[in-house]
Amino acid sequence: MEMEQMNKVVGDEEKERDVKVGMKRKLRYTELFIRLLTLILSLAAAIILGLDKQTKVVPITLVSTLPPINVPVTAKYHYLSAFTYFVVANAIACSYGGVSLILTLANKGRKNGCLAKAIIMLDLIMVAVLASANGAAAAVGYIGHEGNKHVRWNKVCNVFGRFCNQVLAAVGVSLLGSLLLIFLVMLAVLKVQNKH
């Protein structure tokens, strides 16, 4: 009778251990998938804005008595420092995503606390970098879309519509990548909490 109870207790402990191992493995695969998605999204955002270019012929009136002169005007990302910062920040986040994915794969299952802590800290830094880049690009995009009457900045998105739409798409994709990085940090906090 006692032997049956001991076998039942040991069996229950083994099932509980198997469930914990399964949960850890599932959490690890989720983390790897999110890291891969973050890499892809930040790469996509950098490419979308980095290749964004639109040329339009704009009539410019020099003197009101003369007819306007048609001048080709080009909009490129590197004409605005906020967009350049956005492309560089997303390229850095993409590179970091690749490195962190490799480090996470190399660390598989080992209890290397220093490496895990370094990855968490770098995840937080990447969240801050992407958030600042998204904010800067969104602010300049908003001014391009709405203009600013107080300083006499005219709207440009009514002329360069495709360019502005690609800026919006790039900021949206990058924002998704930064939200995934925030989710990774939350997962790391949950791992630490479950250990203690």
Protein backbone atom coordinates (compact mmCIF):
# COMPACT_ATOMS: atom_id res chain seq x y z
CA MET A 1 0.00 0.00 0.00
CA GLU A 2 2.76 2.41 0.97
CA MET A 3 4.68 1.42 -2.14
CA GLU A 4 1.70 2.30 -4.35
CA GLN A 5 1.41 5.74 -2.70
CA MET A 6 5.14 6.37 -3.14
CA ASN A 7 4.93 5.34 -6.81
CA LYS A 8 1.95 7.68 -7.26
CA VAL A 9 3.85 10.57 -5.63
CA VAL A 10 6.94 9.89 -7.74
CA GLY A 11 4.76 9.64 -10.87
CA ASP A 12 3.07 12.94 -10.06
CA GLU A 13 6.46 14.60 -9.53
CA GLU A 14 7.69 13.27 -12.89
CA LYS A 15 4.57 14.59 -14.65
CA GLU A 16 5.03 17.97 -12.98
CA ARG A 17 8.70 18.06 -14.04
CA ASP A 18 7.73 17.11 -17.63
CA VAL A 19 5.18 19.93 -17.71
CA LYS A 20 7.80 22.43 -16.47
CA VAL A 21 10.30 21.26 -19.10
CA GLY A 22 7.63 21.53 -21.79
CA MET A 23 6.71 25.05 -20.68
CA LYS A 24 10.37 26.12 -20.67
CA ARG A 25 10.86 24.71 -24.17
CA LYS A 26 7.69 26.41 -25.42
CA LEU A 27 8.78 29.71 -23.86
CA ARG A 28 12.22 29.37 -25.46
CA TYR A 29 10.74 28.74 -28.93
CA THR A 30 8.40 31.69 -28.44
CA GLU A 31 11.38 33.89 -27.58
CA LEU A 32 13.29 32.73 -30.65
CA PHE A 33 10.28 33.35 -32.88
CA ILE A 34 9.78 36.85 -31.46
CA ARG A 35 13.47 37.65 -31.95
CA LEU A 36 13.27 36.51 -35.56
CA LEU A 37 10.12 38.58 -36.12
CA THR A 38 11.80 41.64 -34.58
CA LEU A 39 14.78 41.19 -36.89
CA ILE A 40 12.49 40.93 -39.94
CA LEU A 41 10.34 43.92 -38.95
CA SER A 42 13.26 46.24 -38.26
CA LEU A 43 14.91 45.19 -41.52
CA ALA A 44 11.65 45.81 -43.40
CA ALA A 45 11.25 49.26 -41.81
CA ALA A 46 14.81 50.26 -42.73
CA ILE A 47 14.35 49.05 -46.30
CA ILE A 48 10.92 50.65 -46.76
CA LEU A 49 12.16 54.10 -45.77
CA GLY A 50 15.70 53.65 -47.09
CA LEU A 51 14.43 52.99 -50.61
CA ASP A 52 11.68 55.61 -50.40
CA LYS A 53 12.07 58.19 -53.15
CA GLN A 54 9.58 60.22 -55.14
CA THR A 55 10.10 62.90 -57.80
CA LYS A 56 7.40 65.36 -58.78
CA VAL A 57 7.31 68.34 -61.11
CA VAL A 58 6.28 71.33 -59.02
CA PRO A 59 5.31 74.73 -60.48
CA ILE A 60 7.23 77.55 -58.78
CA THR A 61 6.17 81.17 -59.20
CA LEU A 62 9.08 83.59 -58.98
CA VAL A 63 7.22 86.74 -59.99
CA SER A 64 3.45 87.00 -60.04
CA THR A 65 3.44 88.54 -63.53
CA LEU A 66 5.41 85.67 -65.09
CA PRO A 67 4.16 82.13 -65.63
CA PRO A 68 5.34 79.51 -63.12
CA ILE A 69 8.48 77.50 -63.79
CA ASN A 70 8.10 73.74 -63.60
CA VAL A 71 10.92 72.27 -61.49
CA PRO A 72 11.44 68.58 -60.72
CA VAL A 73 11.68 68.10 -56.95
CA THR A 74 12.73 64.84 -55.29
CA ALA A 75 11.87 63.63 -51.79
CA LYS A 76 14.38 61.18 -50.25
CA TYR A 77 14.76 59.88 -46.73
CA HIS A 78 18.24 61.33 -46.23
CA TYR A 79 17.05 64.91 -46.82
CA LEU A 80 15.68 64.87 -43.27
CA SER A 81 17.89 63.92 -40.33
CA ALA A 82 14.99 62.32 -38.45
CA PHE A 83 14.44 59.88 -41.31
CA THR A 84 18.16 59.14 -41.53
CA TYR A 85 18.18 58.43 -37.80
CA PHE A 86 15.15 56.17 -38.27
CA VAL A 87 16.85 54.10 -40.99
CA VAL A 88 20.10 53.80 -39.00
CA ALA A 89 18.27 52.92 -35.76
CA ASN A 90 16.29 50.18 -37.50
CA ALA A 91 19.45 48.85 -39.15
CA ILE A 92 21.10 48.71 -35.72
CA ALA A 93 18.04 46.97 -34.25
CA CYS A 94 18.08 44.48 -37.13
CA SER A 95 21.77 43.74 -36.55
CA TYR A 96 21.16 43.37 -32.84
CA GLY A 97 18.24 41.05 -33.59
CA GLY A 98 20.55 38.77 -35.56
CA VAL A 99 23.23 38.78 -32.87
CA SER A 100 20.73 38.19 -30.05
CA LEU A 101 19.11 35.37 -32.02
CA ILE A 102 22.49 33.67 -32.45
CA LEU A 103 23.40 34.20 -28.78
CA THR A 104 20.04 32.86 -27.64
CA LEU A 105 20.48 29.78 -29.84
CA ALA A 106 24.05 29.29 -28.60
CA ASN A 107 22.94 29.59 -24.98
CA LYS A 108 20.16 26.99 -25.40
CA GLY A 109 19.08 25.79 -22.03
CA ARG A 110 22.29 26.68 -20.21
CA LYS A 111 22.05 28.63 -17.00
CA ASN A 112 24.38 31.41 -18.11
CA GLY A 113 23.05 34.31 -16.05
CA CYS A 114 25.53 36.90 -17.35
CA LEU A 115 24.63 36.35 -21.00
CA ALA A 116 20.90 36.34 -20.28
CA LYS A 117 21.19 39.57 -18.28
CA ALA A 118 23.25 41.21 -21.03
CA ILE A 119 20.62 40.27 -23.62
CA ILE A 120 17.85 41.70 -21.45
CA MET A 121 19.75 44.97 -20.97
CA LEU A 122 20.43 45.23 -24.71
CA ASP A 123 16.76 44.50 -25.41
CA LEU A 124 15.87 47.48 -23.23
CA ILE A 125 18.40 49.68 -25.04
CA MET A 126 16.96 48.63 -28.41
CA VAL A 127 13.45 49.47 -27.18
CA ALA A 128 14.67 52.97 -26.28
CA VAL A 129 16.51 53.44 -29.60
CA LEU A 130 13.52 52.29 -31.66
CA ALA A 131 11.08 54.36 -29.61
CA SER A 132 13.12 57.52 -30.13
CA ALA A 133 13.52 56.80 -33.87
CA ASN A 134 9.80 56.10 -34.25
CA GLY A 135 8.94 59.30 -32.41
CA ALA A 136 11.31 61.41 -34.49
CA ALA A 137 10.11 59.97 -37.80
CA ALA A 138 6.45 60.22 -36.79
CA ALA A 139 6.87 63.86 -35.72
CA VAL A 140 8.50 64.86 -39.01
CA GLY A 141 5.91 62.84 -40.91
CA TYR A 142 3.12 64.63 -39.08
CA ILE A 143 4.60 68.02 -39.95
CA GLY A 144 4.91 66.89 -43.56
CA HIS A 145 1.27 65.81 -43.55
CA GLU A 146 -0.25 68.74 -41.66
CA GLY A 147 2.32 71.51 -42.08
CA ASN A 148 2.85 74.21 -39.45
CA LYS A 149 1.14 77.54 -40.03
CA HIS A 150 3.00 79.28 -37.21
CA VAL A 151 6.38 78.94 -38.92
CA ARG A 152 4.92 78.85 -42.46
CA TRP A 153 5.88 75.25 -43.23
CA ASN A 154 3.57 74.03 -45.93
CA LYS A 155 2.20 70.53 -46.25
CA VAL A 156 4.27 68.31 -48.50
CA CYS A 157 2.26 65.09 -48.37
CA ASN A 158 -0.30 66.53 -50.77
CA VAL A 159 2.54 66.67 -53.33
CA PHE A 160 4.58 63.61 -52.26
CA GLY A 161 1.73 61.29 -51.30
CA ARG A 162 3.48 57.99 -52.06
CA PHE A 163 6.58 59.08 -50.14
CA CYS A 164 4.50 59.99 -47.09
CA ASN A 165 2.55 56.72 -47.26
CA GLN A 166 5.79 54.75 -47.26
CA VAL A 167 7.03 56.75 -44.26
CA LEU A 168 3.80 55.86 -42.47
CA ALA A 169 4.22 52.17 -43.36
CA ALA A 170 7.85 52.15 -42.19
CA VAL A 171 6.97 53.78 -38.86
CA GLY A 172 4.13 51.29 -38.35
CA VAL A 173 6.35 48.28 -39.07
CA SER A 174 9.09 49.62 -36.79
CA LEU A 175 6.54 50.27 -34.05
CA LEU A 176 5.47 46.62 -34.23
CA GLY A 177 9.11 45.59 -33.89
CA SER A 178 9.59 47.77 -30.82
CA LEU A 179 6.40 46.36 -29.25
CA LEU A 180 7.78 42.86 -29.78
CA LEU A 181 11.01 43.90 -28.03
CA ILE A 182 8.93 45.18 -25.11
CA PHE A 183 7.19 41.79 -25.05
CA LEU A 184 10.60 40.08 -24.94
CA VAL A 185 11.57 42.17 -21.92
CA MET A 186 8.27 41.22 -20.26
CA LEU A 187 9.00 37.54 -20.93
CA ALA A 188 12.44 37.93 -19.34
CA VAL A 189 10.91 39.53 -16.26
CA LEU A 190 8.44 36.64 -15.99
CA LYS A 191 11.31 34.13 -16.26
CA VAL A 192 13.18 35.87 -13.44
CA GLN A 193 10.04 36.02 -11.32
CA ASN A 194 9.33 32.30 -11.84
CA LYS A 195 12.88 31.38 -10.76
CA HIS A 196 12.44 33.09 -7.39
